[in-house]
Amino acid sequence: MFTKLNLPTYSIRIKEEGGKTLIFDSVRKKFLVYTPEEWVRQNFILFLSKDKAFPASLMAVETGLQVNQKQFRADLLVYDRKGKALLVVEFKAPSVKISQDTFDQIVRYNMKLQVPYLIVSNGLNHYCCQVDLQNQSYVFLKEIPDFSQIG
């Protein structure tokens, strides 16, 4: 049920209630129904906050946005200290292979968000891109930068 991810191991609150497994969302401060994708999200949020020094107070989970008259939700949006969107992350379950469709999805979101960093992760594989908005290009980074390097 709890897939070993390619991330450090963190203590995440899990409980059983009403026949359902619940996982604690440290950003929204509430328990949610456990799904493999939520497992990835909660581990990755802890990775960003504990290992990469991203302030949890600058994170927003499932932020609504509209692209071409369609409603979407960004899995995780991180802001800089001035309140400007800095980074968007798209999560998939560990069993979901990251494909071109996944990158197309996050690029569509970024047409609206205009953030300089994109991350896609299924908990096993993580891809981080730095976007040059002016030249409409991007470069894959070897590792996810610390908040101090980009924030």
Protein backbone atom coordinates (compact mmCIF):
# COMPACT_ATOMS: atom_id res chain seq x y z
CA MET A 1 0.00 0.00 0.00
CA PHE A 2 2.71 2.51 0.99
CA THR A 3 5.18 2.33 -1.87
CA LYS A 4 8.82 3.02 -1.01
CA LEU A 5 9.60 6.25 -2.84
CA ASN A 6 12.82 7.69 -4.20
CA LEU A 7 12.76 10.32 -1.43
CA PRO A 8 14.04 10.44 2.14
CA THR A 9 11.78 8.69 4.66
CA TYR A 10 9.50 10.95 6.69
CA SER A 11 7.06 10.43 9.51
CA ILE A 12 3.61 11.00 8.03
CA ARG A 13 0.47 10.73 10.12
CA ILE A 14 -1.80 7.93 8.91
CA LYS A 15 -5.02 6.80 10.55
CA GLU A 16 -7.95 4.50 9.92
CA GLU A 17 -11.43 5.98 10.21
CA GLY A 18 -14.76 4.67 8.99
CA GLY A 19 -13.08 1.86 7.10
CA LYS A 20 -10.84 4.30 5.18
CA THR A 21 -7.15 5.03 5.40
CA LEU A 22 -6.47 8.74 5.90
CA ILE A 23 -3.22 10.66 5.42
CA PHE A 24 -2.41 14.00 7.02
CA ASP A 25 -1.86 16.95 4.68
CA SER A 26 0.75 19.11 6.40
CA VAL A 27 -0.08 22.16 4.26
CA ARG A 28 -3.86 22.13 4.59
CA LYS A 29 -3.62 20.77 8.17
CA LYS A 30 -6.25 18.07 7.72
CA PHE A 31 -6.61 14.37 7.03
CA LEU A 32 -7.47 13.28 3.47
CA VAL A 33 -8.41 9.93 1.98
CA TYR A 34 -5.21 8.05 1.20
CA THR A 35 -4.42 7.53 -2.47
CA PRO A 36 -1.06 6.60 -4.00
CA GLU A 37 -0.85 10.08 -5.57
CA GLU A 38 -1.55 11.71 -2.19
CA TRP A 39 1.22 9.55 -0.67
CA VAL A 40 3.63 11.01 -3.26
CA ARG A 41 2.38 14.57 -2.67
CA GLN A 42 2.74 14.43 1.12
CA ASN A 43 6.23 12.90 0.94
CA PHE A 44 7.31 15.44 -1.67
CA ILE A 45 5.97 18.38 0.37
CA LEU A 46 8.09 17.16 3.30
CA PHE A 47 11.10 16.77 0.99
CA LEU A 48 10.71 20.35 -0.22
CA SER A 49 10.22 21.77 3.27
CA LYS A 50 12.73 19.66 5.23
CA ASP A 51 15.49 18.98 2.69
CA LYS A 52 15.17 21.92 0.30
CA ALA A 53 14.10 24.59 2.86
CA PHE A 54 10.89 25.62 1.06
CA PRO A 55 8.63 27.29 3.66
CA ALA A 56 5.40 25.31 4.00
CA SER A 57 3.64 28.64 4.55
CA LEU A 58 4.39 29.52 0.90
CA MET A 59 2.83 26.30 -0.44
CA ALA A 60 -0.71 25.90 -1.80
CA VAL A 61 -2.23 22.48 -2.57
CA GLU A 62 -4.72 21.93 -5.42
CA THR A 63 -4.88 25.53 -6.55
CA GLY A 64 -7.67 26.09 -9.05
CA LEU A 65 -6.87 27.68 -12.41
CA GLN A 66 -8.60 28.18 -15.71
CA VAL A 67 -6.91 27.44 -19.03
CA ASN A 68 -8.87 27.84 -22.28
CA GLN A 69 -12.23 27.96 -20.47
CA LYS A 70 -11.44 24.70 -18.63
CA GLN A 71 -10.97 24.36 -14.88
CA PHE A 72 -7.86 22.59 -13.58
CA ARG A 73 -6.10 22.16 -10.25
CA ALA A 74 -2.37 22.49 -9.81
CA ASP A 75 -1.23 19.76 -7.41
CA LEU A 76 1.22 22.05 -5.61
CA LEU A 77 2.05 25.69 -6.15
CA VAL A 78 4.90 27.38 -4.30
CA TYR A 79 5.22 31.15 -3.99
CA ASP A 80 8.20 33.39 -3.33
CA ARG A 81 8.27 35.66 -0.29
CA LYS A 82 6.61 38.44 -2.29
CA GLY A 83 3.60 36.23 -3.11
CA LYS A 84 4.53 35.60 -6.76
CA ALA A 85 4.11 32.02 -8.05
CA LEU A 86 7.54 30.43 -8.29
CA LEU A 87 7.11 26.70 -8.81
CA VAL A 88 4.35 24.32 -9.85
CA VAL A 89 4.49 20.57 -9.20
CA GLU A 90 2.44 17.83 -10.83
CA PHE A 91 2.23 14.53 -8.96
CA LYS A 92 1.36 11.09 -10.25
CA ALA A 93 0.99 7.79 -8.41
CA PRO A 94 4.14 5.64 -8.36
CA SER A 95 2.46 3.19 -10.77
CA VAL A 96 1.93 5.96 -13.35
CA LYS A 97 4.78 6.37 -15.80
CA ILE A 98 5.73 9.98 -16.39
CA SER A 99 5.10 10.63 -20.07
CA GLN A 100 4.96 13.46 -22.56
CA ASP A 101 1.29 13.86 -21.61
CA THR A 102 2.37 14.66 -18.03
CA PHE A 103 4.73 17.36 -19.27
CA ASP A 104 2.05 18.70 -21.65
CA GLN A 105 -0.31 18.95 -18.67
CA ILE A 106 2.08 21.02 -16.53
CA VAL A 107 3.05 23.20 -19.51
CA ARG A 108 -0.66 23.96 -20.07
CA TYR A 109 -0.91 25.01 -16.43
CA ASN A 110 2.15 27.18 -16.84
CA MET A 111 0.61 29.00 -19.79
CA LYS A 112 -1.60 30.55 -17.11
CA LEU A 113 0.74 30.52 -14.09
CA GLN A 114 3.95 31.74 -15.79
CA VAL A 115 6.26 30.26 -13.14
CA PRO A 116 10.02 29.86 -13.68
CA TYR A 117 10.21 26.27 -12.31
CA LEU A 118 8.25 23.10 -13.06
CA ILE A 119 8.51 19.74 -11.31
CA VAL A 120 6.89 16.44 -12.25
CA SER A 121 7.15 13.47 -9.88
CA ASN A 122 5.63 10.05 -9.37
CA GLY A 123 7.68 9.61 -6.21
CA LEU A 124 10.14 7.36 -8.01
CA ASN A 125 11.25 9.72 -10.79
CA HIS A 126 11.48 13.49 -10.41
CA TYR A 127 12.01 15.99 -13.21
CA CYS A 128 12.68 19.66 -12.63
CA CYS A 129 12.77 22.29 -15.37
CA GLN A 130 13.82 25.90 -15.29
CA VAL A 131 11.64 27.86 -17.69
CA ASP A 132 12.83 30.89 -19.64
CA LEU A 133 9.48 32.62 -20.07
CA GLN A 134 10.86 35.34 -22.37
CA ASN A 135 12.41 32.94 -24.86
CA GLN A 136 9.74 30.25 -24.36
CA SER A 137 12.32 27.58 -23.65
CA TYR A 138 13.31 25.37 -20.75
CA VAL A 139 16.21 23.37 -19.44
CA PHE A 140 16.10 20.24 -17.27
CA LEU A 141 18.02 20.61 -14.02
CA LYS A 142 20.12 17.79 -12.57
CA GLU A 143 18.56 18.29 -9.15
CA ILE A 144 15.81 20.23 -7.47
CA PRO A 145 17.29 23.50 -6.21
CA ASP A 146 17.00 24.72 -2.62
CA PHE A 147 14.53 27.52 -1.93
CA SER A 148 17.45 29.90 -1.21
CA GLN A 149 18.71 29.36 -4.77
CA ILE A 150 15.41 30.28 -6.46
CA GLY A 151 13.16 32.00 -3.91
